[in-house]
Each structure stands twice: as C-alpha cells, then as structure tokens.
C-alpha cells in the first residue's frame, strides 16, 4: 500500500485496522449503553406520570 509517497508494511496496516475495529466496537458499545440508559429513564418517567 502506498500512502504519502511511502510504502507501508502490511503488518502496520493490519495492526492499524485492528485498532480501528477495536475503537469502533468500543464506540458502538458506548452508544448502545447510552441509548439503553435513556430508554430506561424514559420508561421510568412514563411509569411515574
């Protein structure tokens, strides 16, 4: 792979992709938890009202 006029080692690209996938998974987990928390609070407020 050629980027910025430099040849990148395949192991670097694979490692970078692994880091990106891990960060994406962590972000998805964070957003899922946030959505579930908001839905839970919404349900509690609906029950109270």
PDB file of N, CA and C in Angstrom:
ATOM      1  N   UNK A   1       0.847  -1.179   0.000  1.00  0.00           N
ATOM      2  CA  UNK A   1       0.000   0.000   0.000  1.00  0.00           C
ATOM      3  C   UNK A   1       0.891   1.241   0.000  1.00  0.00           C
ATOM      4  N   UNK A   2       0.577   2.207  -0.813  1.00  0.00           N
ATOM      5  CA  UNK A   2       1.372   3.431  -0.884  1.00  0.00           C
ATOM      6  C   UNK A   2       0.538   4.594  -0.361  1.00  0.00           C
ATOM      7  N   UNK A   3       1.095   5.295   0.608  1.00  0.00           N
ATOM      8  CA  UNK A   3       0.429   6.449   1.194  1.00  0.00           C
ATOM      9  C   UNK A   3       1.473   7.522   1.464  1.00  0.00           C
ATOM     10  N   UNK A   4       1.177   8.747   1.120  1.00  0.00           N
ATOM     11  CA  UNK A   4       2.112   9.861   1.341  1.00  0.00           C
ATOM     12  C   UNK A   4       3.498   9.538   0.795  1.00  0.00           C
ATOM     13  N   UNK A   5       3.550   8.928  -0.383  1.00  0.00           N
ATOM     14  CA  UNK A   5       4.805   8.576  -1.044  1.00  0.00           C
ATOM     15  C   UNK A   5       5.662   7.616  -0.225  1.00  0.00           C
ATOM     16  N   UNK A   6       5.063   6.902   0.706  1.00  0.00           N
ATOM     17  CA  UNK A   6       5.811   5.923   1.489  1.00  0.00           C
ATOM     18  C   UNK A   6       5.109   4.582   1.392  1.00  0.00           C
ATOM     19  N   UNK A   7       5.878   3.542   1.358  1.00  0.00           N
ATOM     20  CA  UNK A   7       5.334   2.194   1.312  1.00  0.00           C
ATOM     21  C   UNK A   7       5.096   1.732   2.743  1.00  0.00           C
ATOM     22  N   UNK A   8       3.864   1.342   3.043  1.00  0.00           N
ATOM     23  CA  UNK A   8       3.544   0.877   4.386  1.00  0.00           C
ATOM     24  C   UNK A   8       3.673  -0.633   4.461  1.00  0.00           C
ATOM     25  N   UNK A   9       4.229  -1.102   5.525  1.00  0.00           N
ATOM     26  CA  UNK A   9       4.361  -2.533   5.765  1.00  0.00           C
ATOM     27  C   UNK A   9       2.973  -3.116   6.007  1.00  0.00           C
ATOM     28  N   UNK A  10       2.708  -4.312   5.468  1.00  0.00           N
ATOM     29  CA  UNK A  10       1.393  -4.945   5.636  1.00  0.00           C
ATOM     30  C   UNK A  10       1.051  -5.159   7.104  1.00  0.00           C
ATOM     31  N   UNK A  11       2.040  -5.488   7.928  1.00  0.00           N
ATOM     32  CA  UNK A  11       1.768  -5.708   9.351  1.00  0.00           C
ATOM     33  C   UNK A  11       1.298  -4.419  10.012  1.00  0.00           C
ATOM     34  N   UNK A  12       1.825  -3.283   9.565  1.00  0.00           N
ATOM     35  CA  UNK A  12       1.384  -1.995  10.107  1.00  0.00           C
ATOM     36  C   UNK A  12      -0.074  -1.743   9.741  1.00  0.00           C
ATOM     37  N   UNK A  13      -0.423  -2.031   8.505  1.00  0.00           N
ATOM     38  CA  UNK A  13      -1.791  -1.815   8.040  1.00  0.00           C
ATOM     39  C   UNK A  13      -2.749  -2.723   8.802  1.00  0.00           C
ATOM     40  N   UNK A  14      -2.376  -3.991   8.990  1.00  0.00           N
ATOM     41  CA  UNK A  14      -3.224  -4.930   9.730  1.00  0.00           C
ATOM     42  C   UNK A  14      -3.380  -4.463  11.167  1.00  0.00           C
ATOM     43  N   UNK A  15      -2.289  -4.042  11.799  1.00  0.00           N
ATOM     44  CA  UNK A  15      -2.340  -3.566  13.174  1.00  0.00           C
ATOM     45  C   UNK A  15      -3.221  -2.330  13.278  1.00  0.00           C
ATOM     46  N   UNK A  16      -3.098  -1.425  12.326  1.00  0.00           N
ATOM     47  CA  UNK A  16      -3.903  -0.208  12.313  1.00  0.00           C
ATOM     48  C   UNK A  16      -5.386  -0.553  12.154  1.00  0.00           C
ATOM     49  N   UNK A  17      -5.696  -1.513  11.284  1.00  0.00           N
ATOM     50  CA  UNK A  17      -7.083  -1.935  11.089  1.00  0.00           C
ATOM     51  C   UNK A  17      -7.646  -2.563  12.354  1.00  0.00           C
ATOM     52  N   UNK A  18      -6.824  -3.334  13.067  1.00  0.00           N
ATOM     53  CA  UNK A  18      -7.275  -3.942  14.324  1.00  0.00           C
ATOM     54  C   UNK A  18      -7.607  -2.865  15.356  1.00  0.00           C
ATOM     55  N   UNK A  19      -6.770  -1.851  15.428  1.00  0.00           N
ATOM     56  CA  UNK A  19      -7.026  -0.748  16.365  1.00  0.00           C
ATOM     57  C   UNK A  19      -8.306  -0.011  15.992  1.00  0.00           C
ATOM     58  N   UNK A  20      -8.515   0.192  14.700  1.00  0.00           N
ATOM     59  CA  UNK A  20      -9.717   0.879  14.235  1.00  0.00           C
ATOM     60  C   UNK A  20     -10.963   0.057  14.542  1.00  0.00           C
ATOM     61  N   UNK A  21     -10.901  -1.255  14.320  1.00  0.00           N
ATOM     62  CA  UNK A  21     -12.041  -2.125  14.622  1.00  0.00           C
ATOM     63  C   UNK A  21     -12.334  -2.124  16.115  1.00  0.00           C
ATOM     64  N   UNK A  22     -11.292  -2.163  16.948  1.00  0.00           N
ATOM     65  CA  UNK A  22     -11.473  -2.151  18.398  1.00  0.00           C
ATOM     66  C   UNK A  22     -12.112  -0.838  18.841  1.00  0.00           C
ATOM     67  N   UNK A  23     -11.643   0.274  18.303  1.00  0.00           N
ATOM     68  CA  UNK A  23     -12.205   1.581  18.650  1.00  0.00           C
ATOM     69  C   UNK A  23     -13.660   1.687  18.204  1.00  0.00           C
ATOM     70  N   UNK A  24     -13.972   1.138  17.034  1.00  0.00           N
ATOM     71  CA  UNK A  24     -15.346   1.154  16.531  1.00  0.00           C
ATOM     72  C   UNK A  24     -16.253   0.339  17.434  1.00  0.00           C
ATOM     73  N   UNK A  25     -15.785  -0.840  17.850  1.00  0.00           N
ATOM     74  CA  UNK A  25     -16.573  -1.690  18.746  1.00  0.00           C
ATOM     75  C   UNK A  25     -16.809  -0.995  20.082  1.00  0.00           C
ATOM     76  N   UNK A  26     -15.772  -0.358  20.623  1.00  0.00           N
ATOM     77  CA  UNK A  26     -15.924   0.359  21.890  1.00  0.00           C
ATOM     78  C   UNK A  26     -16.924   1.506  21.759  1.00  0.00           C
ATOM     79  N   UNK A  27     -16.899   2.207  20.643  1.00  0.00           N
ATOM     80  CA  UNK A  27     -17.840   3.312  20.423  1.00  0.00           C
ATOM     81  C   UNK A  27     -19.262   2.784  20.288  1.00  0.00           C
ATOM     82  N   UNK A  28     -19.432   1.664  19.574  1.00  0.00           N
ATOM     83  CA  UNK A  28     -20.761   1.065  19.439  1.00  0.00           C
ATOM     84  C   UNK A  28     -21.295   0.645  20.804  1.00  0.00           C
ATOM     85  N   UNK A  29     -20.434   0.048  21.639  1.00  0.00           N
ATOM     86  CA  UNK A  29     -20.847  -0.362  22.980  1.00  0.00           C
ATOM     87  C   UNK A  29     -21.238   0.844  23.825  1.00  0.00           C
ATOM     88  N   UNK A  30     -20.467   1.917  23.721  1.00  0.00           N
ATOM     89  CA  UNK A  30     -20.764   3.139  24.466  1.00  0.00           C
ATOM     90  C   UNK A  30     -22.109   3.721  24.055  1.00  0.00           C
ATOM     91  N   UNK A  31     -22.346   3.804  22.750  1.00  0.00           N
ATOM     92  CA  UNK A  31     -23.610   4.354  22.255  1.00  0.00           C
ATOM     93  C   UNK A  31     -24.790   3.456  22.609  1.00  0.00           C
ATOM     94  N   UNK A  32     -24.598   2.144  22.539  1.00  0.00           N
ATOM     95  CA  UNK A  32     -25.665   1.212  22.910  1.00  0.00           C
ATOM     96  C   UNK A  32     -26.035   1.390  24.377  1.00  0.00           C
ATOM     97  N   UNK A  33     -25.032   1.503  25.237  1.00  0.00           N
ATOM     98  CA  UNK A  33     -25.286   1.725  26.656  1.00  0.00           C
ATOM     99  C   UNK A  33     -26.002   3.040  26.908  1.00  0.00           C
ATOM    100  N   UNK A  34     -25.610   4.067  26.191  1.00  0.00           N
ATOM    101  CA  UNK A  34     -26.252   5.377  26.329  1.00  0.00           C
ATOM    102  C   UNK A  34     -27.714   5.316  25.910  1.00  0.00           C
ATOM    103  N   UNK A  35     -27.985   4.674  24.788  1.00  0.00           N
ATOM    104  CA  UNK A  35     -29.365   4.542  24.300  1.00  0.00           C
ATOM    105  C   UNK A  35     -30.203   3.738  25.285  1.00  0.00           C
ATOM    106  N   UNK A  36     -29.661   2.642  25.789  1.00  0.00           N
ATOM    107  CA  UNK A  36     -30.407   1.815  26.743  1.00  0.00           C
ATOM    108  C   UNK A  36     -30.690   2.584  28.028  1.00  0.00           C
ATOM    109  N   UNK A  37     -29.725   3.380  28.477  1.00  0.00           N
ATOM    110  CA  UNK A  37     -29.930   4.189  29.674  1.00  0.00           C
ATOM    111  C   UNK A  37     -31.015   5.231  29.474  1.00  0.00           C
ATOM    112  N   UNK A  38     -31.026   5.854  28.315  1.00  0.00           N
ATOM    113  CA  UNK A  38     -32.052   6.859  28.022  1.00  0.00           C
ATOM    114  C   UNK A  38     -33.432   6.215  27.929  1.00  0.00           C
ATOM    115  N   UNK A  39     -33.516   5.043  27.311  1.00  0.00           N
ATOM    116  CA  UNK A  39     -34.801   4.349  27.209  1.00  0.00           C
ATOM    117  C   UNK A  39     -35.294   3.923  28.586  1.00  0.00           C
ATOM    118  N   UNK A  40     -34.377   3.490  29.441  1.00  0.00           N
ATOM    119  CA  UNK A  40     -34.747   3.090  30.792  1.00  0.00           C
ATOM    120  C   UNK A  40     -35.298   4.279  31.581  1.00  0.00           C
ATOM    121  N   UNK A  41     -34.629   5.418  31.479  1.00  0.00           N
ATOM    122  CA  UNK A  41     -35.111   6.620  32.173  1.00  0.00           C
ATOM    123  C   UNK A  41     -36.460   7.062  31.624  1.00  0.00           C
ATOM    124  N   UNK A  42     -36.627   6.956  30.316  1.00  0.00           N
ATOM    125  CA  UNK A  42     -37.892   7.333  29.692  1.00  0.00           C
ATOM    126  C   UNK A  42     -39.015   6.451  30.225  1.00  0.00           C
ATOM    127  N   UNK A  43     -38.754   5.147  30.321  1.00  0.00           N
ATOM    128  CA  UNK A  43     -39.765   4.219  30.831  1.00  0.00           C
ATOM    129  C   UNK A  43     -40.104   4.512  32.289  1.00  0.00           C
ATOM    130  N   UNK A  44     -39.106   4.870  33.095  1.00  0.00           N
ATOM    131  CA  UNK A  44     -39.353   5.200  34.498  1.00  0.00           C
ATOM    132  C   UNK A  44     -40.202   6.463  34.607  1.00  0.00           C
ATOM    133  N   UNK A  45     -39.904   7.470  33.783  1.00  0.00           N
ATOM    134  CA  UNK A  45     -40.685   8.706  33.814  1.00  0.00           C
ATOM    135  C   UNK A  45     -42.117   8.462  33.356  1.00  0.00           C
ATOM    136  N   UNK A  46     -42.300   7.608  32.359  1.00  0.00           N
ATOM    137  CA  UNK A  46     -43.636   7.289  31.864  1.00  0.00           C
ATOM    138  C   UNK A  46     -44.438   6.578  32.942  1.00  0.00           C
ATOM    139  N   UNK A  47     -43.779   5.710  33.712  1.00  0.00           N
ATOM    140  CA  UNK A  47     -44.450   4.972  34.781  1.00  0.00           C
ATOM    141  C   UNK A  47     -44.871   5.914  35.905  1.00  0.00           C
ATOM    142  N   UNK A  48     -44.022   6.886  36.223  1.00  0.00           N
ATOM    143  CA  UNK A  48     -44.314   7.832  37.302  1.00  0.00           C
ATOM    144  C   UNK A  48     -45.468   8.750  36.917  1.00  0.00           C
ATOM    145  N   UNK A  49     -45.500   9.194  35.687  1.00  0.00           N
ATOM    146  CA  UNK A  49     -46.526  10.135  35.226  1.00  0.00           C
ATOM    147  C   UNK A  49     -47.764   9.370  34.936  1.00  0.00           C
TER     148      UNK A  49
END
